[in-house]
Amino acid sequence: MKESEETMPATSDFVKKLYKMLEDTSVQHVVAWGPHGDCFVVKDMNEFTKSILPRMFKHSNFASFVRQLNKYDFHKVKNTDDNQFGEHVILPIPRVTPH
């Protein structure tokens, strides 16, 4: 194993699923990366809770999804009308696939 692989923390299943969802072009009308790639936007809350959450995260509870986001230091982006979420401002979400 390479030294860089040994020192990198394992990515959680939740974060892997989140990235997989955001890279899925078939759901971009519902949830997608923000315009600068440093956050994501839930564009259609009803469709997101009815079809995306159950398929990707095995539940349809948006509040539970937000709690999971908060656990991994993602927070709602303030001063927007959309449901935009990103990590704290110092470390924006990198738009790369996690390991």
PDB file of N, CA and C in Angstrom:
ATOM      1  N   MET A   1       0.846  -1.187   0.000  1.00  0.00           N
ATOM      2  CA  MET A   1       0.000   0.000   0.000  1.00  0.00           C
ATOM      3  C   MET A   1       0.888   1.245   0.000  1.00  0.00           C
ATOM      4  N   LYS A   2       0.520   2.238  -0.763  1.00  0.00           N
ATOM      5  CA  LYS A   2       1.277   3.478  -0.822  1.00  0.00           C
ATOM      6  C   LYS A   2       1.079   4.262   0.467  1.00  0.00           C
ATOM      7  N   GLU A   3       2.077   5.067   0.807  1.00  0.00           N
ATOM      8  CA  GLU A   3       1.989   5.881   2.018  1.00  0.00           C
ATOM      9  C   GLU A   3       0.788   6.819   1.971  1.00  0.00           C
ATOM     10  N   SER A   4       0.503   7.416   0.807  1.00  0.00           N
ATOM     11  CA  SER A   4      -0.630   8.341   0.698  1.00  0.00           C
ATOM     12  C   SER A   4      -1.953   7.635   0.958  1.00  0.00           C
ATOM     13  N   GLU A   5      -2.058   6.357   0.571  1.00  0.00           N
ATOM     14  CA  GLU A   5      -3.283   5.601   0.828  1.00  0.00           C
ATOM     15  C   GLU A   5      -3.426   5.287   2.309  1.00  0.00           C
ATOM     16  N   GLU A   6      -2.302   5.087   2.990  1.00  0.00           N
ATOM     17  CA  GLU A   6      -2.340   4.778   4.418  1.00  0.00           C
ATOM     18  C   GLU A   6      -2.774   5.981   5.237  1.00  0.00           C
ATOM     19  N   THR A   7      -2.395   7.184   4.823  1.00  0.00           N
ATOM     20  CA  THR A   7      -2.691   8.374   5.607  1.00  0.00           C
ATOM     21  C   THR A   7      -4.034   9.002   5.264  1.00  0.00           C
ATOM     22  N   MET A   8      -4.628   8.614   4.138  1.00  0.00           N
ATOM     23  CA  MET A   8      -5.923   9.177   3.760  1.00  0.00           C
ATOM     24  C   MET A   8      -7.037   8.525   4.572  1.00  0.00           C
ATOM     25  N   PRO A   9      -7.908   9.332   5.182  1.00  0.00           N
ATOM     26  CA  PRO A   9      -9.025   8.734   5.910  1.00  0.00           C
ATOM     27  C   PRO A   9     -10.005   8.073   4.942  1.00  0.00           C
ATOM     28  N   ALA A  10     -10.642   7.025   5.397  1.00  0.00           N
ATOM     29  CA  ALA A  10     -11.640   6.340   4.572  1.00  0.00           C
ATOM     30  C   ALA A  10     -12.849   7.254   4.394  1.00  0.00           C
ATOM     31  N   THR A  11     -13.407   7.260   3.212  1.00  0.00           N
ATOM     32  CA  THR A  11     -14.596   8.057   2.940  1.00  0.00           C
ATOM     33  C   THR A  11     -15.821   7.254   3.354  1.00  0.00           C
ATOM     34  N   SER A  12     -16.741   7.904   4.047  1.00  0.00           N
ATOM     35  CA  SER A  12     -17.940   7.215   4.527  1.00  0.00           C
ATOM     36  C   SER A  12     -18.850   6.822   3.368  1.00  0.00           C
ATOM     37  N   ASP A  13     -19.682   5.826   3.604  1.00  0.00           N
ATOM     38  CA  ASP A  13     -20.660   5.407   2.597  1.00  0.00           C
ATOM     39  C   ASP A  13     -21.604   6.552   2.250  1.00  0.00           C
ATOM     40  N   PHE A  14     -21.981   7.343   3.258  1.00  0.00           N
ATOM     41  CA  PHE A  14     -22.887   8.463   3.015  1.00  0.00           C
ATOM     42  C   PHE A  14     -22.275   9.441   2.011  1.00  0.00           C
ATOM     43  N   VAL A  15     -21.026   9.812   2.228  1.00  0.00           N
ATOM     44  CA  VAL A  15     -20.368  10.774   1.341  1.00  0.00           C
ATOM     45  C   VAL A  15     -20.186  10.178  -0.054  1.00  0.00           C
ATOM     46  N   LYS A  16     -19.858   8.904  -0.140  1.00  0.00           N
ATOM     47  CA  LYS A  16     -19.735   8.247  -1.448  1.00  0.00           C
ATOM     48  C   LYS A  16     -21.065   8.283  -2.198  1.00  0.00           C
ATOM     49  N   LYS A  17     -22.157   7.996  -1.489  1.00  0.00           N
ATOM     50  CA  LYS A  17     -23.485   8.035  -2.115  1.00  0.00           C
ATOM     51  C   LYS A  17     -23.843   9.453  -2.549  1.00  0.00           C
ATOM     52  N   LEU A  18     -23.482  10.428  -1.719  1.00  0.00           N
ATOM     53  CA  LEU A  18     -23.748  11.829  -2.041  1.00  0.00           C
ATOM     54  C   LEU A  18     -23.055  12.219  -3.349  1.00  0.00           C
ATOM     55  N   TYR A  19     -21.784  11.896  -3.471  1.00  0.00           N
ATOM     56  CA  TYR A  19     -21.047  12.215  -4.697  1.00  0.00           C
ATOM     57  C   TYR A  19     -21.614  11.464  -5.895  1.00  0.00           C
ATOM     58  N   LYS A  20     -21.957  10.198  -5.703  1.00  0.00           N
ATOM     59  CA  LYS A  20     -22.539   9.407  -6.796  1.00  0.00           C
ATOM     60  C   LYS A  20     -23.833  10.058  -7.286  1.00  0.00           C
ATOM     61  N   MET A  21     -24.665  10.496  -6.348  1.00  0.00           N
ATOM     62  CA  MET A  21     -25.921  11.156  -6.687  1.00  0.00           C
ATOM     63  C   MET A  21     -25.650  12.441  -7.471  1.00  0.00           C
ATOM     64  N   LEU A  22     -24.690  13.233  -7.024  1.00  0.00           N
ATOM     65  CA  LEU A  22     -24.409  14.514  -7.670  1.00  0.00           C
ATOM     66  C   LEU A  22     -23.777  14.361  -9.050  1.00  0.00           C
ATOM     67  N   GLU A  23     -23.137  13.254  -9.299  1.00  0.00           N
ATOM     68  CA  GLU A  23     -22.525  13.007 -10.607  1.00  0.00           C
ATOM     69  C   GLU A  23     -23.489  12.326 -11.577  1.00  0.00           C
ATOM     70  N   ASP A  24     -24.661  11.930 -11.104  1.00  0.00           N
ATOM     71  CA  ASP A  24     -25.658  11.246 -11.935  1.00  0.00           C
ATOM     72  C   ASP A  24     -26.414  12.272 -12.780  1.00  0.00           C
ATOM     73  N   THR A  25     -26.145  12.289 -14.067  1.00  0.00           N
ATOM     74  CA  THR A  25     -26.773  13.282 -14.947  1.00  0.00           C
ATOM     75  C   THR A  25     -28.281  13.100 -15.078  1.00  0.00           C
ATOM     76  N   SER A  26     -28.786  11.915 -14.772  1.00  0.00           N
ATOM     77  CA  SER A  26     -30.228  11.679 -14.911  1.00  0.00           C
ATOM     78  C   SER A  26     -31.057  12.362 -13.823  1.00  0.00           C
ATOM     79  N   VAL A  27     -30.419  12.861 -12.756  1.00  0.00           N
ATOM     80  CA  VAL A  27     -31.165  13.516 -11.674  1.00  0.00           C
ATOM     81  C   VAL A  27     -30.832  14.999 -11.548  1.00  0.00           C
ATOM     82  N   GLN A  28     -30.106  15.550 -12.497  1.00  0.00           N
ATOM     83  CA  GLN A  28     -29.677  16.939 -12.387  1.00  0.00           C
ATOM     84  C   GLN A  28     -30.821  17.942 -12.403  1.00  0.00           C
ATOM     85  N   HIS A  29     -31.989  17.543 -12.878  1.00  0.00           N
ATOM     86  CA  HIS A  29     -33.150  18.436 -12.820  1.00  0.00           C
ATOM     87  C   HIS A  29     -33.724  18.487 -11.402  1.00  0.00           C
ATOM     88  N   VAL A  30     -33.297  17.555 -10.547  1.00  0.00           N
ATOM     89  CA  VAL A  30     -33.784  17.473  -9.166  1.00  0.00           C
ATOM     90  C   VAL A  30     -32.718  17.934  -8.177  1.00  0.00           C
ATOM     91  N   VAL A  31     -31.501  17.435  -8.335  1.00  0.00           N
ATOM     92  CA  VAL A  31     -30.387  17.775  -7.443  1.00  0.00           C
ATOM     93  C   VAL A  31     -29.108  17.779  -8.270  1.00  0.00           C
ATOM     94  N   ALA A  32     -28.281  18.809  -8.072  1.00  0.00           N
ATOM     95  CA  ALA A  32     -27.077  18.934  -8.895  1.00  0.00           C
ATOM     96  C   ALA A  32     -26.050  19.816  -8.194  1.00  0.00           C
ATOM     97  N   TRP A  33     -24.848  19.786  -8.736  1.00  0.00           N
ATOM     98  CA  TRP A  33     -23.812  20.704  -8.270  1.00  0.00           C
ATOM     99  C   TRP A  33     -24.278  22.136  -8.482  1.00  0.00           C
ATOM    100  N   GLY A  34     -23.856  23.037  -7.609  1.00  0.00           N
ATOM    101  CA  GLY A  34     -24.130  24.457  -7.773  1.00  0.00           C
ATOM    102  C   GLY A  34     -23.333  25.019  -8.938  1.00  0.00           C
ATOM    103  N   PRO A  35     -23.571  26.270  -9.289  1.00  0.00           N
ATOM    104  CA  PRO A  35     -22.956  26.861 -10.478  1.00  0.00           C
ATOM    105  C   PRO A  35     -21.431  26.903 -10.448  1.00  0.00           C
ATOM    106  N   HIS A  36     -20.832  26.927  -9.266  1.00  0.00           N
ATOM    107  CA  HIS A  36     -19.377  27.002  -9.158  1.00  0.00           C
ATOM    108  C   HIS A  36     -18.759  25.673  -8.728  1.00  0.00           C
ATOM    109  N   GLY A  37     -19.590  24.641  -8.564  1.00  0.00           N
ATOM    110  CA  GLY A  37     -19.086  23.324  -8.193  1.00  0.00           C
ATOM    111  C   GLY A  37     -18.626  23.204  -6.757  1.00  0.00           C
ATOM    112  N   ASP A  38     -18.990  24.176  -5.905  1.00  0.00           N
ATOM    113  CA  ASP A  38     -18.547  24.136  -4.514  1.00  0.00           C
ATOM    114  C   ASP A  38     -19.687  23.889  -3.537  1.00  0.00           C
ATOM    115  N   CYS A  39     -20.849  23.567  -4.064  1.00  0.00           N
ATOM    116  CA  CYS A  39     -22.010  23.231  -3.251  1.00  0.00           C
ATOM    117  C   CYS A  39     -22.950  22.424  -4.144  1.00  0.00           C
ATOM    118  N   PHE A  40     -24.047  21.947  -3.566  1.00  0.00           N
ATOM    119  CA  PHE A  40     -25.063  21.316  -4.407  1.00  0.00           C
ATOM    120  C   PHE A  40     -26.409  21.915  -4.080  1.00  0.00           C
ATOM    121  N   VAL A  41     -27.327  21.789  -5.035  1.00  0.00           N
ATOM    122  CA  VAL A  41     -28.638  22.422  -4.931  1.00  0.00           C
ATOM    123  C   VAL A  41     -29.727  21.372  -5.100  1.00  0.00           C
ATOM    124  N   VAL A  42     -30.679  21.363  -4.170  1.00  0.00           N
ATOM    125  CA  VAL A  42     -31.880  20.542  -4.327  1.00  0.00           C
ATOM    126  C   VAL A  42     -32.885  21.439  -5.042  1.00  0.00           C
ATOM    127  N   LYS A  43     -33.153  21.144  -6.311  1.00  0.00           N
ATOM    128  CA  LYS A  43     -34.000  21.994  -7.147  1.00  0.00           C
ATOM    129  C   LYS A  43     -35.481  21.671  -7.025  1.00  0.00           C
ATOM    130  N   ASP A  44     -35.799  20.426  -6.742  1.00  0.00           N
ATOM    131  CA  ASP A  44     -37.193  19.984  -6.640  1.00  0.00           C
ATOM    132  C   ASP A  44     -37.332  19.132  -5.385  1.00  0.00           C
ATOM    133  N   MET A  45     -37.736  19.773  -4.299  1.00  0.00           N
ATOM    134  CA  MET A  45     -37.807  19.108  -2.994  1.00  0.00           C
ATOM    135  C   MET A  45     -38.750  17.906  -3.015  1.00  0.00           C
ATOM    136  N   ASN A  46     -39.922  18.046  -3.638  1.00  0.00           N
ATOM    137  CA  ASN A  46     -40.878  16.933  -3.671  1.00  0.00           C
ATOM    138  C   ASN A  46     -40.300  15.715  -4.376  1.00  0.00           C
ATOM    139  N   GLU A  47     -39.735  15.927  -5.548  1.00  0.00           N
ATOM    140  CA  GLU A  47     -39.148  14.819  -6.306  1.00  0.00           C
ATOM    141  C   GLU A  47     -37.948  14.229  -5.563  1.00  0.00           C
ATOM    142  N   PHE A  48     -37.174  15.082  -4.935  1.00  0.00           N
ATOM    143  CA  PHE A  48     -36.000  14.623  -4.189  1.00  0.00           C
ATOM    144  C   PHE A  48     -36.410  13.683  -3.053  1.00  0.00           C
ATOM    145  N   THR A  49     -37.423  14.086  -2.277  1.00  0.00           N
ATOM    146  CA  THR A  49     -37.836  13.251  -1.139  1.00  0.00           C
ATOM    147  C   THR A  49     -38.617  12.018  -1.574  1.00  0.00           C
ATOM    148  N   LYS A  50     -39.331  12.108  -2.702  1.00  0.00           N
ATOM    149  CA  LYS A  50     -40.129  10.958  -3.158  1.00  0.00           C
ATOM    150  C   LYS A  50     -39.313   9.912  -3.903  1.00  0.00           C
ATOM    151  N   SER A  51     -38.334  10.352  -4.696  1.00  0.00           N
ATOM    152  CA  SER A  51     -37.639   9.359  -5.526  1.00  0.00           C
ATOM    153  C   SER A  51     -36.136   9.250  -5.290  1.00  0.00           C
ATOM    154  N   ILE A  52     -35.456  10.356  -5.098  1.00  0.00           N
ATOM    155  CA  ILE A  52     -33.992  10.303  -4.969  1.00  0.00           C
ATOM    156  C   ILE A  52     -33.566   9.772  -3.605  1.00  0.00           C
ATOM    157  N   LEU A  53     -34.094  10.349  -2.534  1.00  0.00           N
ATOM    158  CA  LEU A  53     -33.707   9.878  -1.192  1.00  0.00           C
ATOM    159  C   LEU A  53     -33.954   8.387  -0.995  1.00  0.00           C
ATOM    160  N   PRO A  54     -35.142   7.875  -1.319  1.00  0.00           N
ATOM    161  CA  PRO A  54     -35.359   6.433  -1.120  1.00  0.00           C
ATOM    162  C   PRO A  54     -34.417   5.563  -1.956  1.00  0.00           C
ATOM    163  N   ARG A  55     -34.124   5.993  -3.162  1.00  0.00           N
ATOM    164  CA  ARG A  55     -33.259   5.197  -4.036  1.00  0.00           C
ATOM    165  C   ARG A  55     -31.800   5.227  -3.576  1.00  0.00           C
ATOM    166  N   MET A  56     -31.322   6.389  -3.160  1.00  0.00           N
ATOM    167  CA  MET A  56     -29.906   6.529  -2.809  1.00  0.00           C
ATOM    168  C   MET A  56     -29.617   6.274  -1.330  1.00  0.00           C
ATOM    169  N   PHE A  57     -30.568   6.649  -0.454  1.00  0.00           N
ATOM    170  CA  PHE A  57     -30.290   6.624   0.981  1.00  0.00           C
ATOM    171  C   PHE A  57     -31.276   5.779   1.787  1.00  0.00           C
ATOM    172  N   LYS A  58     -32.179   5.085   1.115  1.00  0.00           N
ATOM    173  CA  LYS A  58     -33.101   4.124   1.743  1.00  0.00           C
ATOM    174  C   LYS A  58     -34.093   4.754   2.723  1.00  0.00           C
ATOM    175  N   HIS A  59     -34.382   6.042   2.560  1.00  0.00           N
ATOM    176  CA  HIS A  59     -35.422   6.699   3.362  1.00  0.00           C
ATOM    177  C   HIS A  59     -35.910   7.920   2.589  1.00  0.00           C
ATOM    178  N   SER A  60     -36.996   8.520   3.056  1.00  0.00           N
ATOM    179  CA  SER A  60     -37.531   9.703   2.371  1.00  0.00           C
ATOM    180  C   SER A  60     -37.653  10.901   3.313  1.00  0.00           C
ATOM    181  N   ASN A  61     -36.874  10.903   4.371  1.00  0.00           N
ATOM    182  CA  ASN A  61     -36.945  11.947   5.388  1.00  0.00           C
ATOM    183  C   ASN A  61     -35.865  13.001   5.130  1.00  0.00           C
ATOM    184  N   PHE A  62     -36.282  14.170   4.631  1.00  0.00           N
ATOM    185  CA  PHE A  62     -35.319  15.219   4.307  1.00  0.00           C
ATOM    186  C   PHE A  62     -34.585  15.714   5.547  1.00  0.00           C
ATOM    187  N   ALA A  63     -35.284  15.829   6.667  1.00  0.00           N
ATOM    188  CA  ALA A  63     -34.638  16.287   7.905  1.00  0.00           C
ATOM    189  C   ALA A  63     -33.518  15.333   8.321  1.00  0.00           C
ATOM    190  N   SER A  64     -33.734  14.045   8.153  1.00  0.00           N
ATOM    191  CA  SER A  64     -32.706  13.056   8.461  1.00  0.00           C
ATOM    192  C   SER A  64     -31.505  13.208   7.524  1.00  0.00           C
ATOM    193  N   PHE A  65     -31.773  13.467   6.250  1.00  0.00           N
ATOM    194  CA  PHE A  65     -30.712  13.699   5.275  1.00  0.00           C
ATOM    195  C   PHE A  65     -29.882  14.919   5.677  1.00  0.00           C
ATOM    196  N   VAL A  66     -30.543  15.990   6.088  1.00  0.00           N
ATOM    197  CA  VAL A  66     -29.843  17.208   6.512  1.00  0.00           C
ATOM    198  C   VAL A  66     -28.999  16.933   7.757  1.00  0.00           C
ATOM    199  N   ARG A  67     -29.519  16.142   8.697  1.00  0.00           N
ATOM    200  CA  ARG A  67     -28.727  15.784   9.888  1.00  0.00           C
ATOM    201  C   ARG A  67     -27.454  15.044   9.488  1.00  0.00           C
ATOM    202  N   GLN A  68     -27.575  14.137   8.511  1.00  0.00           N
ATOM    203  CA  GLN A  68     -26.386  13.424   8.017  1.00  0.00           C
ATOM    204  C   GLN A  68     -25.405  14.412   7.385  1.00  0.00           C
ATOM    205  N   LEU A  69     -25.912  15.349   6.591  1.00  0.00           N
ATOM    206  CA  LEU A  69     -25.040  16.363   5.996  1.00  0.00           C
ATOM    207  C   LEU A  69     -24.306  17.140   7.083  1.00  0.00           C
ATOM    208  N   ASN A  70     -25.040  17.553   8.105  1.00  0.00           N
ATOM    209  CA  ASN A  70     -24.432  18.316   9.198  1.00  0.00           C
ATOM    210  C   ASN A  70     -23.359  17.510   9.919  1.00  0.00           C
ATOM    211  N   LYS A  71     -23.590  16.218  10.063  1.00  0.00           N
ATOM    212  CA  LYS A  71     -22.615  15.334  10.716  1.00  0.00           C
ATOM    213  C   LYS A  71     -21.270  15.376   9.988  1.00  0.00           C
ATOM    214  N   TYR A  72     -21.309  15.525   8.673  1.00  0.00           N
ATOM    215  CA  TYR A  72     -20.086  15.576   7.870  1.00  0.00           C
ATOM    216  C   TYR A  72     -19.677  17.013   7.543  1.00  0.00           C
ATOM    217  N   ASP A  73     -20.180  17.950   8.321  1.00  0.00           N
ATOM    218  CA  ASP A  73     -19.816  19.369   8.242  1.00  0.00           C
ATOM    219  C   ASP A  73     -20.289  20.063   6.969  1.00  0.00           C
ATOM    220  N   PHE A  74     -21.389  19.579   6.398  1.00  0.00           N
ATOM    221  CA  PHE A  74     -22.053  20.287   5.310  1.00  0.00           C
ATOM    222  C   PHE A  74     -23.149  21.135   5.950  1.00  0.00           C
ATOM    223  N   HIS A  75     -23.357  22.333   5.425  1.00  0.00           N
ATOM    224  CA  HIS A  75     -24.372  23.226   5.982  1.00  0.00           C
ATOM    225  C   HIS A  75     -25.104  23.933   4.858  1.00  0.00           C
ATOM    226  N   LYS A  76     -26.329  24.348   5.151  1.00  0.00           N
ATOM    227  CA  LYS A  76     -27.102  25.098   4.162  1.00  0.00           C
ATOM    228  C   LYS A  76     -26.384  26.408   3.874  1.00  0.00           C
ATOM    229  N   VAL A  77     -26.304  26.750   2.601  1.00  0.00           N
ATOM    230  CA  VAL A  77     -25.668  27.997   2.199  1.00  0.00           C
ATOM    231  C   VAL A  77     -26.640  29.126   2.503  1.00  0.00           C
ATOM    232  N   LYS A  78     -26.190  30.102   3.254  1.00  0.00           N
ATOM    233  CA  LYS A  78     -27.056  31.211   3.656  1.00  0.00           C
ATOM    234  C   LYS A  78     -27.229  32.203   2.507  1.00  0.00           C
ATOM    235  N   ASN A  79     -28.274  33.002   2.616  1.00  0.00           N
ATOM    236  CA  ASN A  79     -28.577  34.065   1.653  1.00  0.00           C
ATOM    237  C   ASN A  79     -28.875  33.544   0.252  1.00  0.00           C
ATOM    238  N   THR A  80     -29.533  32.387   0.175  1.00  0.00           N
ATOM    239  CA  THR A  80     -29.990  31.878  -1.117  1.00  0.00           C
ATOM    240  C   THR A  80     -31.446  31.465  -0.973  1.00  0.00           C
ATOM    241  N   ASP A  81     -32.162  31.488  -2.069  1.00  0.00           N
ATOM    242  CA  ASP A  81     -33.540  31.014  -2.064  1.00  0.00           C
ATOM    243  C   ASP A  81     -33.603  29.509  -2.266  1.00  0.00           C
ATOM    244  N   ASP A  82     -32.523  28.937  -2.791  1.00  0.00           N
ATOM    245  CA  ASP A  82     -32.479  27.504  -3.077  1.00  0.00           C
ATOM    246  C   ASP A  82     -32.068  26.719  -1.844  1.00  0.00           C
ATOM    247  N   ASN A  83     -32.246  25.413  -1.919  1.00  0.00           N
ATOM    248  CA  ASN A  83     -31.739  24.515  -0.897  1.00  0.00           C
ATOM    249  C   ASN A  83     -30.326  24.119  -1.303  1.00  0.00           C
ATOM    250  N   GLN A  84     -29.367  25.009  -1.054  1.00  0.00           N
ATOM    251  CA  GLN A  84     -27.968  24.764  -1.390  1.00  0.00           C
ATOM    252  C   GLN A  84     -27.227  24.324  -0.138  1.00  0.00           C
ATOM    253  N   PHE A  85     -26.394  23.315  -0.297  1.00  0.00           N
ATOM    254  CA  PHE A  85     -25.607  22.805   0.815  1.00  0.00           C
ATOM    255  C   PHE A  85     -24.152  22.712   0.401  1.00  0.00           C
ATOM    256  N   GLY A  86     -23.285  23.082   1.311  1.00  0.00           N
ATOM    257  CA  GLY A  86     -21.855  22.958   1.058  1.00  0.00           C
ATOM    258  C   GLY A  86     -21.126  22.781   2.371  1.00  0.00           C
ATOM    259  N   GLU A  87     -19.888  22.387   2.286  1.00  0.00           N
ATOM    260  CA  GLU A  87     -19.090  22.306   3.492  1.00  0.00           C
ATOM    261  C   GLU A  87     -18.807  23.721   3.953  1.00  0.00           C
ATOM    262  N   HIS A  88     -18.254  23.852   5.155  1.00  0.00           N
ATOM    263  CA  HIS A  88     -17.960  25.188   5.656  1.00  0.00           C
ATOM    264  C   HIS A  88     -17.099  25.932   4.642  1.00  0.00           C
ATOM    265  N   VAL A  89     -17.173  27.225   4.668  1.00  0.00           N
ATOM    266  CA  VAL A  89     -16.614  28.074   3.624  1.00  0.00           C
ATOM    267  C   VAL A  89     -15.121  27.821   3.397  1.00  0.00           C
ATOM    268  N   ILE A  90     -14.379  27.510   4.434  1.00  0.00           N
ATOM    269  CA  ILE A  90     -12.936  27.333   4.296  1.00  0.00           C
ATOM    270  C   ILE A  90     -12.603  26.135   3.407  1.00  0.00           C
ATOM    271  N   LEU A  91     -13.376  25.078   3.488  1.00  0.00           N
ATOM    272  CA  LEU A  91     -13.116  23.870   2.704  1.00  0.00           C
ATOM    273  C   LEU A  91     -14.331  23.522   1.846  1.00  0.00           C
ATOM    274  N   PRO A  92     -14.473  24.139   0.679  1.00  0.00           N
ATOM    275  CA  PRO A  92     -15.623  23.812  -0.167  1.00  0.00           C
ATOM    276  C   PRO A  92     -15.552  22.379  -0.680  1.00  0.00           C
ATOM    277  N   ILE A  93     -16.670  21.864  -1.126  1.00  0.00           N
ATOM    278  CA  ILE A  93     -16.730  20.501  -1.650  1.00  0.00           C
ATOM    279  C   ILE A  93     -15.890  20.435  -2.920  1.00  0.00           C
ATOM    280  N   PRO A  94     -14.882  19.597  -2.968  1.00  0.00           N
ATOM    281  CA  PRO A  94     -14.168  19.442  -4.231  1.00  0.00           C
ATOM    282  C   PRO A  94     -14.986  18.571  -5.174  1.00  0.00           C
ATOM    283  N   ARG A  95     -15.099  18.967  -6.399  1.00  0.00           N
ATOM    284  CA  ARG A  95     -15.897  18.191  -7.349  1.00  0.00           C
ATOM    285  C   ARG A  95     -15.033  17.099  -7.972  1.00  0.00           C
ATOM    286  N   VAL A  96     -14.656  16.155  -7.132  1.00  0.00           N
ATOM    287  CA  VAL A  96     -13.916  14.972  -7.567  1.00  0.00           C
ATOM    288  C   VAL A  96     -14.540  13.776  -6.887  1.00  0.00           C
ATOM    289  N   THR A  97     -14.364  12.618  -7.463  1.00  0.00           N
ATOM    290  CA  THR A  97     -14.921  11.412  -6.870  1.00  0.00           C
ATOM    291  C   THR A  97     -14.068  10.999  -5.686  1.00  0.00           C
ATOM    292  N   PRO A  98     -14.682  10.770  -4.511  1.00  0.00           N
ATOM    293  CA  PRO A  98     -13.899  10.342  -3.351  1.00  0.00           C
ATOM    294  C   PRO A  98     -13.390   8.924  -3.551  1.00  0.00           C
ATOM    295  N   HIS A  99     -12.339   8.571  -2.831  1.00  0.00           N
ATOM    296  CA  HIS A  99     -11.733   7.224  -2.924  1.00  0.00           C
ATOM    297  C   HIS A  99     -12.527   6.219  -2.148  1.00  0.00           C
TER     298      HIS A  99
END
